[in-house]
Amino acid sequence: MEHILPAYDDPLFSILLIIVMSLIIALVTYGWGVYRQQREEGNLLNFLEKFDSSECALNTTEMVFEPNMFKPLALLAKAFEHTGEYHKSISIYIYLIKHISQENGQVELMERLGNTYLHAGFLERSKSIYTEILRKKPRNIQVLYELGIVYEIMQKYDKAREVLEPLKMLGEETRSLEKFLDLSELLINKSLSTEEKISQINKILKEEPSLYREIVKALLQLDTRSAWEIIDPERIKELLDVLWFLPNSQLDLDIITSNEQLKTLYYVKGYLQKPSTNSGIFSVDMLATAKQNGFEDGDLLFSYLCQKCKQSFPVSFKRCPNCMAINSVKVEEKIAKSSQETNYSLL
């Protein structure tokens, strides 16, 4: 009696075998994908537990999530962040991240959470959030920049420079940021003498003229003469507030009397007696003309505009407090009636 063996060389059998194997592979792949997603969700929940604490003022533990709640809650969290109520913003972001399943949505919300921790001053938490995002999305340019800012604020400049490397690989221009980090690190370096610092600061200025304002302010603290030597008559407007608040002891009268803008500025301040009204800066010339006609109660008030995000602030900044841009400050002045003399420096 003959055994009936499968016809392995039958084309139909081969097709069926391929289909069966494809189905098995598809099922295994799908199962692995589900398992991996569940594990990622579990890891994310465990990760968020580190930040979900009694510090958060809003009680979201018993709040039932509905998809139509996402947009209004996200807007509410952003509003809380803008008003400085970071603890409320944080609790909403954590609640939303836990209850949405789309990976892109989670990443966006985690970035907002990291930004909120950054603005609130919780640098370690912000760093952990950014690192977790980059573990999933290592090519996220914005998060790389934000992680670099965290390291910079923590004065971990080596780490901040490490972040620049992947940014360069992604085609970002980082030269200005590198020089900004060089200057920041140089200014806190206690092993260098004043002469060495001045030499390196002047070198940075030649390489990156956009740091002019910060470099002049730094040199005024290190060596007044060196600062006056690099003051550019064409860029007085950038330093108007700094020069306005300089005490008499830091003035260089030889340089001041050889420059019409500076003569007018310090005539208005009362440091020079000879009238001068031709600075080319409208507000300064108005005050000089008024003083020449007997009105001596004029003053200048300053505000500081970020040229990138267009937010205005009452105090100067190296990085915009809102968008964290560097070299974006624009000094804006307005005429006011002088109050009691303070004569303090903004350096």
C-alpha atoms as a PDB file:
ATOM      1  CA  MET A   1       0.000   0.000   0.000  1.00  0.00           C
ATOM      2  CA  GLU A   2       1.557   3.236  -1.103  1.00  0.00           C
ATOM      3  CA  HIS A   3       1.887   6.218   1.254  1.00  0.00           C
ATOM      4  CA  ILE A   4       0.499   9.478  -0.154  1.00  0.00           C
ATOM      5  CA  LEU A   5       3.120  12.162   0.411  1.00  0.00           C
ATOM      6  CA  PRO A   6       2.519  15.907   0.017  1.00  0.00           C
ATOM      7  CA  ALA A   7       3.580  17.206  -3.327  1.00  0.00           C
ATOM      8  CA  TYR A   8       6.217  19.703  -2.103  1.00  0.00           C
ATOM      9  CA  ASP A   9       6.992  20.662  -5.681  1.00  0.00           C
ATOM     10  CA  ASP A  10       3.346  21.530  -6.342  1.00  0.00           C
ATOM     11  CA  PRO A  11       3.128  25.326  -7.067  1.00  0.00           C
ATOM     12  CA  LEU A  12      -0.207  25.576  -5.234  1.00  0.00           C
ATOM     13  CA  PHE A  13       1.318  24.086  -2.112  1.00  0.00           C
ATOM     14  CA  SER A  14       4.211  26.568  -2.265  1.00  0.00           C
ATOM     15  CA  ILE A  15       1.809  29.492  -2.531  1.00  0.00           C
ATOM     16  CA  LEU A  16      -0.227  28.218   0.419  1.00  0.00           C
ATOM     17  CA  LEU A  17       2.946  27.791   2.472  1.00  0.00           C
ATOM     18  CA  ILE A  18       4.054  31.364   1.705  1.00  0.00           C
ATOM     19  CA  ILE A  19       0.625  32.696   2.681  1.00  0.00           C
ATOM     20  CA  VAL A  20       0.641  30.759   5.967  1.00  0.00           C
ATOM     21  CA  MET A  21       4.160  31.966   6.818  1.00  0.00           C
ATOM     22  CA  SER A  22       3.210  35.534   5.945  1.00  0.00           C
ATOM     23  CA  LEU A  23       0.201  35.339   8.248  1.00  0.00           C
ATOM     24  CA  ILE A  24       2.333  33.946  11.067  1.00  0.00           C
ATOM     25  CA  ILE A  25       4.922  36.715  10.604  1.00  0.00           C
ATOM     26  CA  ALA A  26       2.183  39.347  10.492  1.00  0.00           C
ATOM     27  CA  LEU A  27       0.599  38.024  13.700  1.00  0.00           C
ATOM     28  CA  VAL A  28       3.935  37.880  15.479  1.00  0.00           C
ATOM     29  CA  THR A  29       4.811  41.407  14.300  1.00  0.00           C
ATOM     30  CA  TYR A  30       1.409  42.726  15.391  1.00  0.00           C
ATOM     31  CA  GLY A  31       1.693  40.992  18.769  1.00  0.00           C
ATOM     32  CA  TRP A  32       5.175  42.366  19.291  1.00  0.00           C
ATOM     33  CA  GLY A  33       3.994  45.843  18.315  1.00  0.00           C
ATOM     34  CA  VAL A  34       1.105  45.677  20.809  1.00  0.00           C
ATOM     35  CA  TYR A  35       3.431  44.388  23.519  1.00  0.00           C
ATOM     36  CA  ARG A  36       5.990  47.090  22.771  1.00  0.00           C
ATOM     37  CA  GLN A  37       3.315  49.807  22.806  1.00  0.00           C
ATOM     38  CA  GLN A  38       1.950  48.561  26.120  1.00  0.00           C
ATOM     39  CA  ARG A  39       5.435  48.433  27.564  1.00  0.00           C
ATOM     40  CA  GLU A  40       6.155  51.990  26.334  1.00  0.00           C
ATOM     41  CA  GLU A  41       2.887  53.180  27.859  1.00  0.00           C
ATOM     42  CA  GLY A  42       3.791  51.444  31.107  1.00  0.00           C
ATOM     43  CA  ASN A  43       7.241  53.011  31.049  1.00  0.00           C
ATOM     44  CA  LEU A  44       5.742  56.421  30.343  1.00  0.00           C
ATOM     45  CA  LEU A  45       3.278  56.091  33.237  1.00  0.00           C
ATOM     46  CA  ASN A  46       6.076  55.010  35.561  1.00  0.00           C
ATOM     47  CA  PHE A  47       8.167  57.926  34.296  1.00  0.00           C
ATOM     48  CA  LEU A  48       5.358  60.435  34.916  1.00  0.00           C
ATOM     49  CA  GLU A  49       4.777  59.100  38.440  1.00  0.00           C
ATOM     50  CA  LYS A  50       8.060  60.756  39.405  1.00  0.00           C
ATOM     51  CA  PHE A  51       6.560  64.155  38.655  1.00  0.00           C
ATOM     52  CA  ASP A  52       2.952  63.633  39.759  1.00  0.00           C
ATOM     53  CA  SER A  53       3.060  64.805  43.340  1.00  0.00           C
ATOM     54  CA  SER A  54       1.246  66.862  45.915  1.00  0.00           C
ATOM     55  CA  GLU A  55       3.007  69.937  44.526  1.00  0.00           C
ATOM     56  CA  CYS A  56       0.347  70.045  41.807  1.00  0.00           C
ATOM     57  CA  ALA A  57      -2.562  72.169  42.999  1.00  0.00           C
ATOM     58  CA  LEU A  58      -5.262  70.742  40.730  1.00  0.00           C
ATOM     59  CA  ASN A  59      -6.838  67.432  41.757  1.00  0.00           C
ATOM     60  CA  THR A  60      -7.097  65.375  38.565  1.00  0.00           C
ATOM     61  CA  THR A  61      -7.191  61.911  40.144  1.00  0.00           C
ATOM     62  CA  GLU A  62     -10.985  61.603  39.915  1.00  0.00           C
ATOM     63  CA  MET A  63     -11.429  63.538  36.677  1.00  0.00           C
ATOM     64  CA  VAL A  64     -12.895  61.349  33.909  1.00  0.00           C
ATOM     65  CA  PHE A  65     -11.155  62.007  30.599  1.00  0.00           C
ATOM     66  CA  GLU A  66     -13.105  62.640  27.418  1.00  0.00           C
ATOM     67  CA  PRO A  67     -11.416  63.273  24.035  1.00  0.00           C
ATOM     68  CA  ASN A  68     -13.209  66.613  23.641  1.00  0.00           C
ATOM     69  CA  MET A  69     -11.523  67.806  26.849  1.00  0.00           C
ATOM     70  CA  PHE A  70      -8.066  67.767  25.275  1.00  0.00           C
ATOM     71  CA  LYS A  71      -8.022  71.138  23.516  1.00  0.00           C
ATOM     72  CA  PRO A  72      -9.583  73.271  26.301  1.00  0.00           C
ATOM     73  CA  LEU A  73      -7.362  71.646  28.938  1.00  0.00           C
ATOM     74  CA  ALA A  74      -4.253  72.210  26.805  1.00  0.00           C
ATOM     75  CA  LEU A  75      -5.219  75.886  26.373  1.00  0.00           C
ATOM     76  CA  LEU A  76      -5.868  76.188  30.103  1.00  0.00           C
ATOM     77  CA  ALA A  77      -2.450  74.720  30.892  1.00  0.00           C
ATOM     78  CA  LYS A  78      -0.811  77.197  28.523  1.00  0.00           C
ATOM     79  CA  ALA A  79      -2.710  80.064  30.147  1.00  0.00           C
ATOM     80  CA  PHE A  80      -1.559  78.980  33.616  1.00  0.00           C
ATOM     81  CA  GLU A  81       2.023  78.824  32.328  1.00  0.00           C
ATOM     82  CA  HIS A  82       1.829  82.373  30.922  1.00  0.00           C
ATOM     83  CA  THR A  83       0.527  83.730  34.231  1.00  0.00           C
ATOM     84  CA  GLY A  84       3.273  81.985  36.203  1.00  0.00           C
ATOM     85  CA  GLU A  85       0.983  79.403  37.852  1.00  0.00           C
ATOM     86  CA  TYR A  86       3.339  76.625  36.847  1.00  0.00           C
ATOM     87  CA  HIS A  87       2.090  74.071  39.405  1.00  0.00           C
ATOM     88  CA  LYS A  88      -1.388  74.145  37.863  1.00  0.00           C
ATOM     89  CA  SER A  89      -0.014  73.948  34.330  1.00  0.00           C
ATOM     90  CA  ILE A  90       2.162  70.967  35.253  1.00  0.00           C
ATOM     91  CA  SER A  91      -0.709  68.969  36.751  1.00  0.00           C
ATOM     92  CA  ILE A  92      -2.824  69.443  33.600  1.00  0.00           C
ATOM     93  CA  TYR A  93       0.000  68.439  31.260  1.00  0.00           C
ATOM     94  CA  ILE A  94       0.695  65.278  33.253  1.00  0.00           C
ATOM     95  CA  TYR A  95      -3.021  64.411  33.273  1.00  0.00           C
ATOM     96  CA  LEU A  96      -3.273  64.862  29.476  1.00  0.00           C
ATOM     97  CA  ILE A  97      -0.118  62.851  28.738  1.00  0.00           C
ATOM     98  CA  LYS A  98      -1.494  59.952  30.776  1.00  0.00           C
ATOM     99  CA  HIS A  99      -4.804  59.942  28.908  1.00  0.00           C
ATOM    100  CA  ILE A 100      -3.896  60.333  25.241  1.00  0.00           C
ATOM    101  CA  SER A 101      -2.554  57.485  23.163  1.00  0.00           C
ATOM    102  CA  GLN A 102      -1.115  59.249  20.104  1.00  0.00           C
ATOM    103  CA  GLU A 103       2.665  59.253  20.342  1.00  0.00           C
ATOM    104  CA  ASN A 104       3.063  62.599  18.564  1.00  0.00           C
ATOM    105  CA  GLY A 105       0.572  64.174  20.940  1.00  0.00           C
ATOM    106  CA  GLN A 106       2.403  62.772  23.932  1.00  0.00           C
ATOM    107  CA  VAL A 107       5.742  64.085  22.674  1.00  0.00           C
ATOM    108  CA  GLU A 108       4.318  67.576  22.125  1.00  0.00           C
ATOM    109  CA  LEU A 109       2.783  67.659  25.583  1.00  0.00           C
ATOM    110  CA  MET A 110       5.961  66.331  27.191  1.00  0.00           C
ATOM    111  CA  GLU A 111       7.902  69.121  25.500  1.00  0.00           C
ATOM    112  CA  ARG A 112       5.448  71.657  26.930  1.00  0.00           C
ATOM    113  CA  LEU A 113       5.837  70.017  30.329  1.00  0.00           C
ATOM    114  CA  GLY A 114       9.617  70.277  30.034  1.00  0.00           C
ATOM    115  CA  ASN A 115       9.311  73.958  29.069  1.00  0.00           C
ATOM    116  CA  THR A 116       7.084  74.625  32.072  1.00  0.00           C
ATOM    117  CA  TYR A 117       9.589  72.995  34.429  1.00  0.00           C
ATOM    118  CA  LEU A 118      12.350  75.035  32.761  1.00  0.00           C
ATOM    119  CA  HIS A 119      10.550  78.356  33.227  1.00  0.00           C
ATOM    120  CA  ALA A 120       9.623  77.378  36.790  1.00  0.00           C
ATOM    121  CA  GLY A 121      13.287  76.685  37.587  1.00  0.00           C
ATOM    122  CA  PHE A 122      12.990  72.901  38.069  1.00  0.00           C
ATOM    123  CA  LEU A 123      16.050  72.181  35.954  1.00  0.00           C
ATOM    124  CA  GLU A 124      16.594  68.524  36.869  1.00  0.00           C
ATOM    125  CA  ARG A 125      12.972  67.702  36.077  1.00  0.00           C
ATOM    126  CA  SER A 126      13.165  69.617  32.824  1.00  0.00           C
ATOM    127  CA  LYS A 127      16.342  67.747  31.885  1.00  0.00           C
ATOM    128  CA  SER A 128      14.685  64.378  32.612  1.00  0.00           C
ATOM    129  CA  ILE A 129      11.700  65.268  30.411  1.00  0.00           C
ATOM    130  CA  TYR A 130      13.866  66.392  27.482  1.00  0.00           C
ATOM    131  CA  THR A 131      16.089  63.319  27.782  1.00  0.00           C
ATOM    132  CA  GLU A 132      13.038  61.053  27.702  1.00  0.00           C
ATOM    133  CA  ILE A 133      11.727  62.781  24.568  1.00  0.00           C
ATOM    134  CA  LEU A 134      15.095  62.418  22.830  1.00  0.00           C
ATOM    135  CA  ARG A 135      15.164  58.724  23.694  1.00  0.00           C
ATOM    136  CA  LYS A 136      12.091  58.353  21.469  1.00  0.00           C
ATOM    137  CA  LYS A 137      12.753  61.168  18.989  1.00  0.00           C
ATOM    138  CA  PRO A 138      16.525  61.784  18.858  1.00  0.00           C
ATOM    139  CA  ARG A 139      16.218  64.126  15.869  1.00  0.00           C
ATOM    140  CA  ASN A 140      13.937  66.608  17.645  1.00  0.00           C
ATOM    141  CA  ILE A 141      15.836  69.870  17.008  1.00  0.00           C
ATOM    142  CA  GLN A 142      13.790  72.069  19.331  1.00  0.00           C
ATOM    143  CA  VAL A 143      14.189  69.696  22.277  1.00  0.00           C
ATOM    144  CA  LEU A 144      17.943  69.491  21.648  1.00  0.00           C
ATOM    145  CA  TYR A 145      18.145  73.278  21.898  1.00  0.00           C
ATOM    146  CA  GLU A 146      16.071  73.265  25.078  1.00  0.00           C
ATOM    147  CA  LEU A 147      18.215  70.572  26.689  1.00  0.00           C
ATOM    148  CA  GLY A 148      21.272  72.686  25.874  1.00  0.00           C
ATOM    149  CA  ILE A 149      19.647  75.661  27.626  1.00  0.00           C
ATOM    150  CA  VAL A 150      19.103  73.549  30.755  1.00  0.00           C
ATOM    151  CA  TYR A 151      22.772  72.533  30.822  1.00  0.00           C
ATOM    152  CA  GLU A 152      23.793  76.166  30.230  1.00  0.00           C
ATOM    153  CA  ILE A 153      21.704  77.439  33.154  1.00  0.00           C
ATOM    154  CA  MET A 154      23.173  74.667  35.304  1.00  0.00           C
ATOM    155  CA  GLN A 155      26.615  75.908  34.156  1.00  0.00           C
ATOM    156  CA  LYS A 156      27.422  72.484  32.715  1.00  0.00           C
ATOM    157  CA  TYR A 157      28.992  73.956  29.604  1.00  0.00           C
ATOM    158  CA  ASP A 158      30.673  70.728  28.465  1.00  0.00           C
ATOM    159  CA  LYS A 159      27.271  69.035  28.380  1.00  0.00           C
ATOM    160  CA  ALA A 160      25.769  72.029  26.557  1.00  0.00           C
ATOM    161  CA  ARG A 161      28.459  71.716  23.876  1.00  0.00           C
ATOM    162  CA  GLU A 162      27.783  68.000  23.516  1.00  0.00           C
ATOM    163  CA  VAL A 163      24.213  68.882  22.561  1.00  0.00           C
ATOM    164  CA  LEU A 164      25.550  71.109  19.768  1.00  0.00           C
ATOM    165  CA  GLU A 165      27.090  68.146  17.944  1.00  0.00           C
ATOM    166  CA  PRO A 166      23.803  66.461  16.914  1.00  0.00           C
ATOM    167  CA  LEU A 167      22.420  69.915  16.037  1.00  0.00           C
ATOM    168  CA  LYS A 168      25.329  70.426  13.624  1.00  0.00           C
ATOM    169  CA  MET A 169      24.682  66.997  12.105  1.00  0.00           C
ATOM    170  CA  LEU A 170      21.058  68.042  11.564  1.00  0.00           C
ATOM    171  CA  GLY A 171      22.222  71.108   9.639  1.00  0.00           C
ATOM    172  CA  GLU A 172      21.772  73.763  12.335  1.00  0.00           C
ATOM    173  CA  GLU A 173      24.014  76.844  12.453  1.00  0.00           C
ATOM    174  CA  THR A 174      25.445  76.883  15.973  1.00  0.00           C
ATOM    175  CA  ARG A 175      28.419  79.263  15.734  1.00  0.00           C
ATOM    176  CA  SER A 176      26.763  82.148  17.585  1.00  0.00           C
ATOM    177  CA  LEU A 177      25.552  79.802  20.315  1.00  0.00           C
ATOM    178  CA  GLU A 178      29.033  78.295  20.690  1.00  0.00           C
ATOM    179  CA  LYS A 179      30.559  81.737  21.226  1.00  0.00           C
ATOM    180  CA  PHE A 180      27.788  82.622  23.665  1.00  0.00           C
ATOM    181  CA  LEU A 181      28.678  79.515  25.687  1.00  0.00           C
ATOM    182  CA  ASP A 182      32.390  80.368  25.466  1.00  0.00           C
ATOM    183  CA  LEU A 183      31.725  83.831  26.887  1.00  0.00           C
ATOM    184  CA  SER A 184      29.428  82.538  29.641  1.00  0.00           C
ATOM    185  CA  GLU A 185      31.972  79.943  30.743  1.00  0.00           C
ATOM    186  CA  LEU A 186      34.842  82.436  30.555  1.00  0.00           C
ATOM    187  CA  LEU A 187      33.119  84.893  32.861  1.00  0.00           C
ATOM    188  CA  ILE A 188      32.732  82.347  35.681  1.00  0.00           C
ATOM    189  CA  ASN A 189      36.234  80.927  35.304  1.00  0.00           C
ATOM    190  CA  LYS A 190      38.071  81.757  38.534  1.00  0.00           C
ATOM    191  CA  SER A 191      41.401  80.312  37.414  1.00  0.00           C
ATOM    192  CA  LEU A 192      42.083  83.079  34.856  1.00  0.00           C
ATOM    193  CA  SER A 193      43.532  86.467  35.666  1.00  0.00           C
ATOM    194  CA  THR A 194      41.687  89.647  34.707  1.00  0.00           C
ATOM    195  CA  GLU A 195      44.185  90.285  31.894  1.00  0.00           C
ATOM    196  CA  GLU A 196      43.657  86.802  30.466  1.00  0.00           C
ATOM    197  CA  LYS A 197      39.894  87.202  30.595  1.00  0.00           C
ATOM    198  CA  ILE A 198      40.028  90.576  28.844  1.00  0.00           C
ATOM    199  CA  SER A 199      42.253  89.148  26.099  1.00  0.00           C
ATOM    200  CA  GLN A 200      39.921  86.205  25.475  1.00  0.00           C
ATOM    201  CA  ILE A 201      36.804  88.399  25.649  1.00  0.00           C
ATOM    202  CA  ASN A 202      38.210  90.705  22.962  1.00  0.00           C
ATOM    203  CA  LYS A 203      38.966  87.664  20.817  1.00  0.00           C
ATOM    204  CA  ILE A 204      35.377  86.442  21.165  1.00  0.00           C
ATOM    205  CA  LEU A 205      34.106  89.896  20.152  1.00  0.00           C
ATOM    206  CA  LYS A 206      36.138  89.788  16.941  1.00  0.00           C
ATOM    207  CA  GLU A 207      34.777  86.332  16.153  1.00  0.00           C
ATOM    208  CA  GLU A 208      31.167  87.104  17.110  1.00  0.00           C
ATOM    209  CA  PRO A 209      30.207  90.823  16.953  1.00  0.00           C
ATOM    210  CA  SER A 210      26.589  90.001  17.897  1.00  0.00           C
ATOM    211  CA  LEU A 211      27.807  89.578  21.513  1.00  0.00           C
ATOM    212  CA  TYR A 212      28.836  93.261  21.622  1.00  0.00           C
ATOM    213  CA  ARG A 213      26.334  94.336  24.299  1.00  0.00           C
ATOM    214  CA  GLU A 214      27.123  91.465  26.677  1.00  0.00           C
ATOM    215  CA  ILE A 215      30.859  91.891  26.157  1.00  0.00           C
ATOM    216  CA  VAL A 216      30.808  95.619  26.958  1.00  0.00           C
ATOM    217  CA  LYS A 217      28.805  94.919  30.127  1.00  0.00           C
ATOM    218  CA  ALA A 218      31.287  92.185  31.107  1.00  0.00           C
ATOM    219  CA  LEU A 219      34.305  94.441  30.522  1.00  0.00           C
ATOM    220  CA  LEU A 220      32.771  97.250  32.555  1.00  0.00           C
ATOM    221  CA  GLN A 221      32.822  94.880  35.496  1.00  0.00           C
ATOM    222  CA  LEU A 222      36.381  93.722  34.825  1.00  0.00           C
ATOM    223  CA  ASP A 223      38.186  96.840  33.610  1.00  0.00           C
ATOM    224  CA  THR A 224      36.458 100.123  32.763  1.00  0.00           C
ATOM    225  CA  ARG A 225      39.205 101.351  30.430  1.00  0.00           C
ATOM    226  CA  SER A 226      39.048  98.182  28.307  1.00  0.00           C
ATOM    227  CA  ALA A 227      35.290  98.576  27.990  1.00  0.00           C
ATOM    228  CA  TRP A 228      35.500 102.179  26.786  1.00  0.00           C
ATOM    229  CA  GLU A 229      38.135 101.228  24.226  1.00  0.00           C
ATOM    230  CA  ILE A 230      35.709  98.939  22.383  1.00  0.00           C
ATOM    231  CA  ILE A 231      32.625 101.187  22.563  1.00  0.00           C
ATOM    232  CA  ASP A 232      31.558 101.774  18.969  1.00  0.00           C
ATOM    233  CA  PRO A 233      30.108 105.255  18.221  1.00  0.00           C
ATOM    234  CA  GLU A 234      27.809 103.605  15.657  1.00  0.00           C
ATOM    235  CA  ARG A 235      26.333 101.280  18.292  1.00  0.00           C
ATOM    236  CA  ILE A 236      25.636 103.674  21.174  1.00  0.00           C
ATOM    237  CA  LYS A 237      21.894 102.948  20.945  1.00  0.00           C
ATOM    238  CA  GLU A 238      22.520  99.285  21.870  1.00  0.00           C
ATOM    239  CA  LEU A 239      24.165 100.402  25.116  1.00  0.00           C
ATOM    240  CA  LEU A 240      21.995 103.398  25.936  1.00  0.00           C
ATOM    241  CA  ASP A 241      20.672 101.993  29.217  1.00  0.00           C
ATOM    242  CA  VAL A 242      24.094 100.707  30.298  1.00  0.00           C
ATOM    243  CA  LEU A 243      25.743 104.085  29.646  1.00  0.00           C
ATOM    244  CA  TRP A 244      22.833 105.970  31.242  1.00  0.00           C
ATOM    245  CA  PHE A 245      23.190 104.151  34.558  1.00  0.00           C
ATOM    246  CA  LEU A 246      27.006 104.220  34.712  1.00  0.00           C
ATOM    247  CA  PRO A 247      28.274 105.928  37.882  1.00  0.00           C
ATOM    248  CA  ASN A 248      30.525 108.944  37.527  1.00  0.00           C
ATOM    249  CA  SER A 249      33.532 106.892  38.653  1.00  0.00           C
ATOM    250  CA  GLN A 250      33.322 104.708  35.536  1.00  0.00           C
ATOM    251  CA  LEU A 251      33.240 107.492  32.967  1.00  0.00           C
ATOM    252  CA  ASP A 252      36.106 108.110  30.551  1.00  0.00           C
ATOM    253  CA  LEU A 253      35.883 111.845  29.879  1.00  0.00           C
ATOM    254  CA  ASP A 254      38.510 111.797  27.117  1.00  0.00           C
ATOM    255  CA  ILE A 255      36.416 109.395  25.051  1.00  0.00           C
ATOM    256  CA  ILE A 256      33.115 111.037  26.015  1.00  0.00           C
ATOM    257  CA  THR A 257      34.131 114.565  25.009  1.00  0.00           C
ATOM    258  CA  SER A 258      35.340 113.334  21.607  1.00  0.00           C
ATOM    259  CA  ASN A 259      31.948 111.843  20.716  1.00  0.00           C
ATOM    260  CA  GLU A 260      28.847 113.990  20.089  1.00  0.00           C
ATOM    261  CA  GLN A 261      26.385 111.288  21.160  1.00  0.00           C
ATOM    262  CA  LEU A 262      28.182 110.642  24.428  1.00  0.00           C
ATOM    263  CA  LYS A 263      28.583 114.362  25.132  1.00  0.00           C
ATOM    264  CA  THR A 264      24.831 114.881  24.747  1.00  0.00           C
ATOM    265  CA  LEU A 265      23.993 111.846  26.849  1.00  0.00           C
ATOM    266  CA  TYR A 266      26.170 112.913  29.757  1.00  0.00           C
ATOM    267  CA  TYR A 267      25.137 116.553  29.451  1.00  0.00           C
ATOM    268  CA  VAL A 268      21.578 115.330  30.089  1.00  0.00           C
ATOM    269  CA  LYS A 269      22.812 113.248  33.031  1.00  0.00           C
ATOM    270  CA  GLY A 270      24.512 116.300  34.512  1.00  0.00           C
ATOM    271  CA  TYR A 271      28.076 115.014  34.280  1.00  0.00           C
ATOM    272  CA  LEU A 272      29.045 117.641  31.666  1.00  0.00           C
ATOM    273  CA  GLN A 273      28.229 121.344  31.909  1.00  0.00           C
ATOM    274  CA  LYS A 274      28.750 122.384  28.278  1.00  0.00           C
ATOM    275  CA  PRO A 275      25.444 122.088  26.383  1.00  0.00           C
ATOM    276  CA  SER A 276      25.227 119.514  23.582  1.00  0.00           C
ATOM    277  CA  THR A 277      22.018 118.559  21.773  1.00  0.00           C
ATOM    278  CA  ASN A 278      23.105 116.602  18.740  1.00  0.00           C
ATOM    279  CA  SER A 279      23.246 112.899  19.619  1.00  0.00           C
ATOM    280  CA  GLY A 280      20.953 111.709  16.849  1.00  0.00           C
ATOM    281  CA  ILE A 281      18.889 109.829  19.465  1.00  0.00           C
ATOM    282  CA  PHE A 282      15.508 111.570  19.594  1.00  0.00           C
ATOM    283  CA  SER A 283      14.722 111.067  23.278  1.00  0.00           C
ATOM    284  CA  VAL A 284      18.202 112.141  24.402  1.00  0.00           C
ATOM    285  CA  ASP A 285      18.144 115.250  22.191  1.00  0.00           C
ATOM    286  CA  MET A 286      14.693 116.193  23.507  1.00  0.00           C
ATOM    287  CA  LEU A 287      15.934 115.986  27.103  1.00  0.00           C
ATOM    288  CA  ALA A 288      19.088 117.952  26.217  1.00  0.00           C
ATOM    289  CA  THR A 289      17.064 120.697  24.549  1.00  0.00           C
ATOM    290  CA  ALA A 290      14.684 120.826  27.517  1.00  0.00           C
ATOM    291  CA  LYS A 291      17.602 121.075  29.925  1.00  0.00           C
ATOM    292  CA  GLN A 292      19.186 123.833  27.884  1.00  0.00           C
ATOM    293  CA  ASN A 293      15.911 125.737  28.306  1.00  0.00           C
ATOM    294  CA  GLY A 294      15.821 125.276  32.061  1.00  0.00           C
ATOM    295  CA  PHE A 295      13.834 122.031  32.486  1.00  0.00           C
ATOM    296  CA  GLU A 296      16.026 119.593  34.403  1.00  0.00           C
ATOM    297  CA  ASP A 297      13.508 117.038  35.649  1.00  0.00           C
ATOM    298  CA  GLY A 298      13.671 114.806  32.583  1.00  0.00           C
ATOM    299  CA  ASP A 299      14.634 111.145  32.770  1.00  0.00           C
ATOM    300  CA  LEU A 300      14.728 108.049  30.603  1.00  0.00           C
ATOM    301  CA  LEU A 301      12.815 104.857  31.336  1.00  0.00           C
ATOM    302  CA  PHE A 302      13.881 101.653  29.619  1.00  0.00           C
ATOM    303  CA  SER A 303      12.136  98.494  28.470  1.00  0.00           C
ATOM    304  CA  TYR A 304      13.577  95.529  26.622  1.00  0.00           C
ATOM    305  CA  LEU A 305      12.025  93.949  23.541  1.00  0.00           C
ATOM    306  CA  CYS A 306      12.842  90.467  22.281  1.00  0.00           C
ATOM    307  CA  GLN A 307      13.202  90.883  18.530  1.00  0.00           C
ATOM    308  CA  LYS A 308      12.307  87.235  17.984  1.00  0.00           C
ATOM    309  CA  CYS A 309       9.079  86.721  19.951  1.00  0.00           C
ATOM    310  CA  LYS A 310       8.220  90.461  20.306  1.00  0.00           C
ATOM    311  CA  GLN A 311       7.664  90.192  24.070  1.00  0.00           C
ATOM    312  CA  SER A 312       8.662  93.209  26.156  1.00  0.00           C
ATOM    313  CA  PHE A 313      10.247  93.054  29.614  1.00  0.00           C
ATOM    314  CA  PRO A 314      11.120  95.636  32.294  1.00  0.00           C
ATOM    315  CA  VAL A 315      14.654  94.302  32.809  1.00  0.00           C
ATOM    316  CA  SER A 316      17.444  93.380  30.425  1.00  0.00           C
ATOM    317  CA  PHE A 317      18.263  89.768  29.573  1.00  0.00           C
ATOM    318  CA  LYS A 318      20.904  87.583  27.941  1.00  0.00           C
ATOM    319  CA  ARG A 319      18.302  85.029  26.887  1.00  0.00           C
ATOM    320  CA  CYS A 320      14.731  86.059  26.290  1.00  0.00           C
ATOM    321  CA  PRO A 321      12.705  84.874  29.322  1.00  0.00           C
ATOM    322  CA  ASN A 322       9.904  83.838  26.979  1.00  0.00           C
ATOM    323  CA  CYS A 323      11.457  82.187  23.899  1.00  0.00           C
ATOM    324  CA  MET A 324      15.024  81.748  25.237  1.00  0.00           C
ATOM    325  CA  ALA A 325      16.600  83.403  22.174  1.00  0.00           C
ATOM    326  CA  ILE A 326      20.107  84.862  22.535  1.00  0.00           C
ATOM    327  CA  ASN A 327      21.271  88.243  21.167  1.00  0.00           C
ATOM    328  CA  SER A 328      17.650  89.272  20.635  1.00  0.00           C
ATOM    329  CA  VAL A 329      17.304  92.182  23.096  1.00  0.00           C
ATOM    330  CA  LYS A 330      16.399  95.612  21.750  1.00  0.00           C
ATOM    331  CA  VAL A 331      16.642  98.530  24.168  1.00  0.00           C
ATOM    332  CA  GLU A 332      13.660 100.871  24.028  1.00  0.00           C
ATOM    333  CA  GLU A 333      13.581 104.156  25.912  1.00  0.00           C
ATOM    334  CA  LYS A 334      10.954 106.768  26.661  1.00  0.00           C
ATOM    335  CA  ILE A 335      11.047 110.185  28.270  1.00  0.00           C
ATOM    336  CA  ALA A 336       9.698 110.494  31.802  1.00  0.00           C
ATOM    337  CA  LYS A 337       9.810 112.912  34.684  1.00  0.00           C
ATOM    338  CA  SER A 338      12.678 112.068  36.989  1.00  0.00           C
ATOM    339  CA  SER A 339      12.004 110.656  40.412  1.00  0.00           C
ATOM    340  CA  GLN A 340      14.414 110.448  43.341  1.00  0.00           C
ATOM    341  CA  GLU A 341      17.931 109.820  42.083  1.00  0.00           C
ATOM    342  CA  THR A 342      18.908 106.163  42.347  1.00  0.00           C
ATOM    343  CA  ASN A 343      22.029 106.036  40.178  1.00  0.00           C
ATOM    344  CA  TYR A 344      22.252 102.266  40.380  1.00  0.00           C
ATOM    345  CA  SER A 345      23.780 100.201  37.631  1.00  0.00           C
ATOM    346  CA  LEU A 346      22.059  97.551  35.550  1.00  0.00           C
ATOM    347  CA  LEU A 347      25.268  95.671  34.990  1.00  0.00           C
END
